[in-house]
Amino acid sequence: MAVNTKQKKRIDIATCWATNRISVMDTLEKYEDSYAIAEEFREWILHIGEKNENLKDSFLNFPKELKELLDQKVKD
């Protein structure tokens, strides 16, 4: 399974948020918080702009079966 356009956009948004948050935490001298965010998003931050198929392994998707069940309940 390759990273699709929607997933790539979500990765880009999360990476942008994380890098900005790290900068804010560093400015506030909250280095432990900064480090925690950096570690949480490390895989995505290190590969900004790269076409890296390994990112798909760190991407959580909504379970297809649950989505179908919820869609059906909404229709009923």
PDB file of N, CA and C in Angstrom:
ATOM      1  N   MET A   1       0.838  -1.181   0.000  1.00  0.00           N
ATOM      2  CA  MET A   1       0.000   0.000   0.000  1.00  0.00           C
ATOM      3  C   MET A   1       0.881   1.243   0.000  1.00  0.00           C
ATOM      4  N   ALA A   2       0.721   2.067  -0.966  1.00  0.00           N
ATOM      5  CA  ALA A   2       1.495   3.304  -1.068  1.00  0.00           C
ATOM      6  C   ALA A   2       0.773   4.422  -0.325  1.00  0.00           C
ATOM      7  N   VAL A   3       1.506   5.452   0.010  1.00  0.00           N
ATOM      8  CA  VAL A   3       0.915   6.616   0.643  1.00  0.00           C
ATOM      9  C   VAL A   3       0.134   7.372  -0.425  1.00  0.00           C
ATOM     10  N   ASN A   4      -1.179   7.534  -0.210  1.00  0.00           N
ATOM     11  CA  ASN A   4      -1.986   8.226  -1.210  1.00  0.00           C
ATOM     12  C   ASN A   4      -1.998   9.735  -0.948  1.00  0.00           C
ATOM     13  N   THR A   5      -2.678  10.470  -1.799  1.00  0.00           N
ATOM     14  CA  THR A   5      -2.677  11.931  -1.730  1.00  0.00           C
ATOM     15  C   THR A   5      -3.253  12.444  -0.416  1.00  0.00           C
ATOM     16  N   LYS A   6      -4.359  11.862   0.044  1.00  0.00           N
ATOM     17  CA  LYS A   6      -4.964  12.306   1.305  1.00  0.00           C
ATOM     18  C   LYS A   6      -4.020  12.054   2.478  1.00  0.00           C
ATOM     19  N   GLN A   7      -3.394  10.885   2.480  1.00  0.00           N
ATOM     20  CA  GLN A   7      -2.459  10.571   3.551  1.00  0.00           C
ATOM     21  C   GLN A   7      -1.259  11.505   3.509  1.00  0.00           C
ATOM     22  N   LYS A   8      -0.761  11.791   2.319  1.00  0.00           N
ATOM     23  CA  LYS A   8       0.385  12.696   2.177  1.00  0.00           C
ATOM     24  C   LYS A   8       0.036  14.075   2.716  1.00  0.00           C
ATOM     25  N   LYS A   9      -1.173  14.536   2.418  1.00  0.00           N
ATOM     26  CA  LYS A   9      -1.596  15.845   2.912  1.00  0.00           C
ATOM     27  C   LYS A   9      -1.663  15.842   4.436  1.00  0.00           C
ATOM     28  N   ARG A  10      -2.190  14.777   5.022  1.00  0.00           N
ATOM     29  CA  ARG A  10      -2.256  14.680   6.482  1.00  0.00           C
ATOM     30  C   ARG A  10      -0.865  14.651   7.093  1.00  0.00           C
ATOM     31  N   ILE A  11       0.054  13.943   6.451  1.00  0.00           N
ATOM     32  CA  ILE A  11       1.437  13.894   6.927  1.00  0.00           C
ATOM     33  C   ILE A  11       2.056  15.286   6.856  1.00  0.00           C
ATOM     34  N   ASP A  12       1.837  15.983   5.745  1.00  0.00           N
ATOM     35  CA  ASP A  12       2.393  17.328   5.580  1.00  0.00           C
ATOM     36  C   ASP A  12       1.865  18.285   6.646  1.00  0.00           C
ATOM     37  N   ILE A  13       0.573  18.221   6.920  1.00  0.00           N
ATOM     38  CA  ILE A  13      -0.033  19.097   7.930  1.00  0.00           C
ATOM     39  C   ILE A  13       0.510  18.766   9.316  1.00  0.00           C
ATOM     40  N   ALA A  14       0.561  17.489   9.653  1.00  0.00           N
ATOM     41  CA  ALA A  14       1.068  17.081  10.967  1.00  0.00           C
ATOM     42  C   ALA A  14       2.539  17.440  11.132  1.00  0.00           C
ATOM     43  N   THR A  15       3.311  17.277  10.081  1.00  0.00           N
ATOM     44  CA  THR A  15       4.734  17.604  10.131  1.00  0.00           C
ATOM     45  C   THR A  15       4.932  19.102  10.317  1.00  0.00           C
ATOM     46  N   CYS A  16       4.147  19.888   9.607  1.00  0.00           N
ATOM     47  CA  CYS A  16       4.221  21.345   9.743  1.00  0.00           C
ATOM     48  C   CYS A  16       3.857  21.753  11.168  1.00  0.00           C
ATOM     49  N   TRP A  17       2.774  21.187  11.701  1.00  0.00           N
ATOM     50  CA  TRP A  17       2.377  21.485  13.076  1.00  0.00           C
ATOM     51  C   TRP A  17       3.496  21.112  14.037  1.00  0.00           C
ATOM     52  N   ALA A  18       4.057  19.917  13.874  1.00  0.00           N
ATOM     53  CA  ALA A  18       5.091  19.433  14.793  1.00  0.00           C
ATOM     54  C   ALA A  18       6.331  20.316  14.761  1.00  0.00           C
ATOM     55  N   THR A  19       6.788  20.675  13.580  1.00  0.00           N
ATOM     56  CA  THR A  19       7.996  21.496  13.499  1.00  0.00           C
ATOM     57  C   THR A  19       7.759  22.889  14.086  1.00  0.00           C
ATOM     58  N   ASN A  20       6.577  23.445  13.863  1.00  0.00           N
ATOM     59  CA  ASN A  20       6.254  24.744  14.466  1.00  0.00           C
ATOM     60  C   ASN A  20       6.147  24.637  15.982  1.00  0.00           C
ATOM     61  N   ARG A  21       5.533  23.565  16.449  1.00  0.00           N
ATOM     62  CA  ARG A  21       5.388  23.362  17.901  1.00  0.00           C
ATOM     63  C   ARG A  21       6.752  23.168  18.560  1.00  0.00           C
ATOM     64  N   ILE A  22       7.635  22.445  17.915  1.00  0.00           N
ATOM     65  CA  ILE A  22       8.994  22.254  18.433  1.00  0.00           C
ATOM     66  C   ILE A  22       9.683  23.608  18.565  1.00  0.00           C
ATOM     67  N   SER A  23       9.541  24.444  17.564  1.00  0.00           N
ATOM     68  CA  SER A  23      10.144  25.776  17.593  1.00  0.00           C
ATOM     69  C   SER A  23       9.599  26.608  18.755  1.00  0.00           C
ATOM     70  N   VAL A  24       8.290  26.559  18.953  1.00  0.00           N
ATOM     71  CA  VAL A  24       7.668  27.298  20.057  1.00  0.00           C
ATOM     72  C   VAL A  24       8.173  26.771  21.397  1.00  0.00           C
ATOM     73  N   MET A  25       8.212  25.460  21.554  1.00  0.00           N
ATOM     74  CA  MET A  25       8.683  24.876  22.816  1.00  0.00           C
ATOM     75  C   MET A  25      10.139  25.250  23.086  1.00  0.00           C
ATOM     76  N   ASP A  26      10.961  25.258  22.052  1.00  0.00           N
ATOM     77  CA  ASP A  26      12.360  25.669  22.218  1.00  0.00           C
ATOM     78  C   ASP A  26      12.451  27.138  22.634  1.00  0.00           C
ATOM     79  N   THR A  27      11.641  27.983  22.010  1.00  0.00           N
ATOM     80  CA  THR A  27      11.633  29.404  22.351  1.00  0.00           C
ATOM     81  C   THR A  27      11.222  29.614  23.806  1.00  0.00           C
ATOM     82  N   LEU A  28      10.265  28.818  24.267  1.00  0.00           N
ATOM     83  CA  LEU A  28       9.807  28.906  25.657  1.00  0.00           C
ATOM     84  C   LEU A  28      10.719  28.152  26.619  1.00  0.00           C
ATOM     85  N   GLU A  29      11.783  27.594  26.084  1.00  0.00           N
ATOM     86  CA  GLU A  29      12.758  26.806  26.848  1.00  0.00           C
ATOM     87  C   GLU A  29      12.118  25.593  27.528  1.00  0.00           C
ATOM     88  N   LYS A  30      11.138  25.011  26.856  1.00  0.00           N
ATOM     89  CA  LYS A  30      10.506  23.771  27.319  1.00  0.00           C
ATOM     90  C   LYS A  30      11.096  22.633  26.497  1.00  0.00           C
ATOM     91  N   TYR A  31      12.343  22.335  26.811  1.00  0.00           N
ATOM     92  CA  TYR A  31      13.114  21.416  25.986  1.00  0.00           C
ATOM     93  C   TYR A  31      12.620  19.970  26.067  1.00  0.00           C
ATOM     94  N   GLU A  32      12.097  19.569  27.213  1.00  0.00           N
ATOM     95  CA  GLU A  32      11.568  18.201  27.317  1.00  0.00           C
ATOM     96  C   GLU A  32      10.353  18.030  26.415  1.00  0.00           C
ATOM     97  N   ASP A  33       9.478  19.028  26.397  1.00  0.00           N
ATOM     98  CA  ASP A  33       8.303  18.978  25.517  1.00  0.00           C
ATOM     99  C   ASP A  33       8.730  18.985  24.053  1.00  0.00           C
ATOM    100  N   SER A  34       9.704  19.823  23.746  1.00  0.00           N
ATOM    101  CA  SER A  34      10.228  19.901  22.387  1.00  0.00           C
ATOM    102  C   SER A  34      10.788  18.553  21.944  1.00  0.00           C
ATOM    103  N   TYR A  35      11.557  17.943  22.812  1.00  0.00           N
ATOM    104  CA  TYR A  35      12.159  16.642  22.503  1.00  0.00           C
ATOM    105  C   TYR A  35      11.082  15.576  22.305  1.00  0.00           C
ATOM    106  N   ALA A  36      10.054  15.596  23.157  1.00  0.00           N
ATOM    107  CA  ALA A  36       8.979  14.602  23.051  1.00  0.00           C
ATOM    108  C   ALA A  36       8.266  14.705  21.703  1.00  0.00           C
ATOM    109  N   ILE A  37       7.984  15.918  21.276  1.00  0.00           N
ATOM    110  CA  ILE A  37       7.326  16.114  19.977  1.00  0.00           C
ATOM    111  C   ILE A  37       8.246  15.671  18.849  1.00  0.00           C
ATOM    112  N   ALA A  38       9.516  16.030  18.959  1.00  0.00           N
ATOM    113  CA  ALA A  38      10.479  15.641  17.925  1.00  0.00           C
ATOM    114  C   ALA A  38      10.568  14.128  17.799  1.00  0.00           C
ATOM    115  N   GLU A  39      10.566  13.432  18.914  1.00  0.00           N
ATOM    116  CA  GLU A  39      10.631  11.970  18.875  1.00  0.00           C
ATOM    117  C   GLU A  39       9.348  11.371  18.300  1.00  0.00           C
ATOM    118  N   GLU A  40       8.217  11.939  18.671  1.00  0.00           N
ATOM    119  CA  GLU A  40       6.928  11.426  18.193  1.00  0.00           C
ATOM    120  C   GLU A  40       6.800  11.538  16.673  1.00  0.00           C
ATOM    121  N   PHE A  41       7.316  12.629  16.113  1.00  0.00           N
ATOM    122  CA  PHE A  41       7.177  12.896  14.684  1.00  0.00           C
ATOM    123  C   PHE A  41       8.483  12.706  13.922  1.00  0.00           C
ATOM    124  N   ARG A  42       9.460  12.066  14.544  1.00  0.00           N
ATOM    125  CA  ARG A  42      10.803  11.944  13.961  1.00  0.00           C
ATOM    126  C   ARG A  42      10.789  11.398  12.543  1.00  0.00           C
ATOM    127  N   GLU A  43      10.097  10.287  12.322  1.00  0.00           N
ATOM    128  CA  GLU A  43      10.089   9.660  10.993  1.00  0.00           C
ATOM    129  C   GLU A  43       9.564  10.612   9.926  1.00  0.00           C
ATOM    130  N   TRP A  44       8.523  11.343  10.261  1.00  0.00           N
ATOM    131  CA  TRP A  44       7.930  12.245   9.286  1.00  0.00           C
ATOM    132  C   TRP A  44       8.804  13.467   9.067  1.00  0.00           C
ATOM    133  N   ILE A  45       9.365  14.023  10.162  1.00  0.00           N
ATOM    134  CA  ILE A  45      10.185  15.229  10.052  1.00  0.00           C
ATOM    135  C   ILE A  45      11.461  14.954   9.266  1.00  0.00           C
ATOM    136  N   LEU A  46      12.086  13.816   9.509  1.00  0.00           N
ATOM    137  CA  LEU A  46      13.339  13.497   8.830  1.00  0.00           C
ATOM    138  C   LEU A  46      13.166  13.309   7.330  1.00  0.00           C
ATOM    139  N   HIS A  47      11.948  12.996   6.906  1.00  0.00           N
ATOM    140  CA  HIS A  47      11.714  12.700   5.494  1.00  0.00           C
ATOM    141  C   HIS A  47      10.821  13.743   4.821  1.00  0.00           C
ATOM    142  N   ILE A  48      10.850  14.987   5.315  1.00  0.00           N
ATOM    143  CA  ILE A  48      10.036  16.051   4.721  1.00  0.00           C
ATOM    144  C   ILE A  48      10.377  16.180   3.238  1.00  0.00           C
ATOM    145  N   GLY A  49       9.351  16.124   2.414  1.00  0.00           N
ATOM    146  CA  GLY A  49       9.529  16.321   0.983  1.00  0.00           C
ATOM    147  C   GLY A  49      10.053  15.116   0.222  1.00  0.00           C
ATOM    148  N   GLU A  50      10.403  14.060   0.922  1.00  0.00           N
ATOM    149  CA  GLU A  50      10.901  12.870   0.240  1.00  0.00           C
ATOM    150  C   GLU A  50       9.740  11.945  -0.097  1.00  0.00           C
ATOM    151  N   LYS A  51       9.918  11.193  -1.143  1.00  0.00           N
ATOM    152  CA  LYS A  51       8.944  10.153  -1.461  1.00  0.00           C
ATOM    153  C   LYS A  51       9.432   8.896  -0.752  1.00  0.00           C
ATOM    154  N   ASN A  52       8.880   8.649   0.413  1.00  0.00           N
ATOM    155  CA  ASN A  52       9.348   7.549   1.242  1.00  0.00           C
ATOM    156  C   ASN A  52       8.182   6.621   1.549  1.00  0.00           C
ATOM    157  N   GLU A  53       8.222   5.447   1.005  1.00  0.00           N
ATOM    158  CA  GLU A  53       7.149   4.480   1.206  1.00  0.00           C
ATOM    159  C   GLU A  53       7.137   3.914   2.626  1.00  0.00           C
ATOM    160  N   ASN A  54       8.210   4.114   3.387  1.00  0.00           N
ATOM    161  CA  ASN A  54       8.239   3.623   4.763  1.00  0.00           C
ATOM    162  C   ASN A  54       7.298   4.403   5.673  1.00  0.00           C
ATOM    163  N   LEU A  55       6.898   5.595   5.254  1.00  0.00           N
ATOM    164  CA  LEU A  55       5.985   6.386   6.064  1.00  0.00           C
ATOM    165  C   LEU A  55       4.641   5.694   6.241  1.00  0.00           C
ATOM    166  N   LYS A  56       4.247   4.905   5.270  1.00  0.00           N
ATOM    167  CA  LYS A  56       2.942   4.236   5.362  1.00  0.00           C
ATOM    168  C   LYS A  56       2.873   3.317   6.569  1.00  0.00           C
ATOM    169  N   ASP A  57       4.024   2.822   7.031  1.00  0.00           N
ATOM    170  CA  ASP A  57       4.052   1.938   8.193  1.00  0.00           C
ATOM    171  C   ASP A  57       3.764   2.684   9.492  1.00  0.00           C
ATOM    172  N   SER A  58       3.952   3.997   9.499  1.00  0.00           N
ATOM    173  CA  SER A  58       3.714   4.776  10.713  1.00  0.00           C
ATOM    174  C   SER A  58       2.419   5.581  10.626  1.00  0.00           C
ATOM    175  N   PHE A  59       1.586   5.257   9.668  1.00  0.00           N
ATOM    176  CA  PHE A  59       0.349   5.989   9.435  1.00  0.00           C
ATOM    177  C   PHE A  59      -0.832   5.151   9.895  1.00  0.00           C
ATOM    178  N   LEU A  60      -1.651   5.692  10.788  1.00  0.00           N
ATOM    179  CA  LEU A  60      -2.821   4.969  11.273  1.00  0.00           C
ATOM    180  C   LEU A  60      -4.028   5.311  10.410  1.00  0.00           C
ATOM    181  N   ASN A  61      -4.719   4.295   9.967  1.00  0.00           N
ATOM    182  CA  ASN A  61      -5.924   4.484   9.166  1.00  0.00           C
ATOM    183  C   ASN A  61      -7.138   4.046   9.961  1.00  0.00           C
ATOM    184  N   PHE A  62      -8.249   4.701   9.698  1.00  0.00           N
ATOM    185  CA  PHE A  62      -9.510   4.311  10.300  1.00  0.00           C
ATOM    186  C   PHE A  62      -9.871   2.935   9.761  1.00  0.00           C
ATOM    187  N   PRO A  63     -10.209   1.974  10.617  1.00  0.00           N
ATOM    188  CA  PRO A  63     -10.519   0.619  10.135  1.00  0.00           C
ATOM    189  C   PRO A  63     -11.657   0.627   9.114  1.00  0.00           C
ATOM    190  N   LYS A  64     -11.421  -0.003   7.975  1.00  0.00           N
ATOM    191  CA  LYS A  64     -12.386  -0.008   6.872  1.00  0.00           C
ATOM    192  C   LYS A  64     -13.720  -0.619   7.309  1.00  0.00           C
ATOM    193  N   GLU A  65     -13.666  -1.709   8.062  1.00  0.00           N
ATOM    194  CA  GLU A  65     -14.897  -2.373   8.493  1.00  0.00           C
ATOM    195  C   GLU A  65     -15.728  -1.459   9.389  1.00  0.00           C
ATOM    196  N   LEU A  66     -15.070  -0.744  10.285  1.00  0.00           N
ATOM    197  CA  LEU A  66     -15.773   0.164  11.182  1.00  0.00           C
ATOM    198  C   LEU A  66     -16.373   1.325  10.395  1.00  0.00           C
ATOM    199  N   LYS A  67     -15.635   1.832   9.429  1.00  0.00           N
ATOM    200  CA  LYS A  67     -16.142   2.918   8.588  1.00  0.00           C
ATOM    201  C   LYS A  67     -17.391   2.469   7.843  1.00  0.00           C
ATOM    202  N   GLU A  68     -17.358   1.266   7.286  1.00  0.00           N
ATOM    203  CA  GLU A  68     -18.519   0.754   6.557  1.00  0.00           C
ATOM    204  C   GLU A  68     -19.715   0.593   7.487  1.00  0.00           C
ATOM    205  N   LEU A  69     -19.480   0.096   8.700  1.00  0.00           N
ATOM    206  CA  LEU A  69     -20.555  -0.071   9.674  1.00  0.00           C
ATOM    207  C   LEU A  69     -21.156   1.285  10.050  1.00  0.00           C
ATOM    208  N   LEU A  70     -20.315   2.263  10.310  1.00  0.00           N
ATOM    209  CA  LEU A  70     -20.799   3.596  10.659  1.00  0.00           C
ATOM    210  C   LEU A  70     -21.546   4.240   9.499  1.00  0.00           C
ATOM    211  N   ASP A  71     -21.037   4.072   8.287  1.00  0.00           N
ATOM    212  CA  ASP A  71     -21.723   4.607   7.109  1.00  0.00           C
ATOM    213  C   ASP A  71     -23.112   3.999   6.969  1.00  0.00           C
ATOM    214  N   GLN A  72     -23.215   2.705   7.221  1.00  0.00           N
ATOM    215  CA  GLN A  72     -24.504   2.028   7.108  1.00  0.00           C
ATOM    216  C   GLN A  72     -25.465   2.526   8.186  1.00  0.00           C
ATOM    217  N   LYS A  73     -24.975   2.726   9.407  1.00  0.00           N
ATOM    218  CA  LYS A  73     -25.834   3.218  10.495  1.00  0.00           C
ATOM    219  C   LYS A  73     -26.331   4.630  10.193  1.00  0.00           C
ATOM    220  N   VAL A  74     -25.497   5.443   9.569  1.00  0.00           N
ATOM    221  CA  VAL A  74     -25.899   6.804   9.216  1.00  0.00           C
ATOM    222  C   VAL A  74     -27.005   6.762   8.168  1.00  0.00           C
ATOM    223  N   LYS A  75     -26.913   5.819   7.234  1.00  0.00           N
ATOM    224  CA  LYS A  75     -27.923   5.698   6.178  1.00  0.00           C
ATOM    225  C   LYS A  75     -29.255   5.205   6.729  1.00  0.00           C
ATOM    226  N   ASP A  76     -29.199   4.390   7.792  1.00  0.00           N
ATOM    227  CA  ASP A  76     -30.436   3.820   8.367  1.00  0.00           C
ATOM    228  C   ASP A  76     -31.212   4.803   9.155  1.00  0.00           C
TER     229      ASP A  76
END
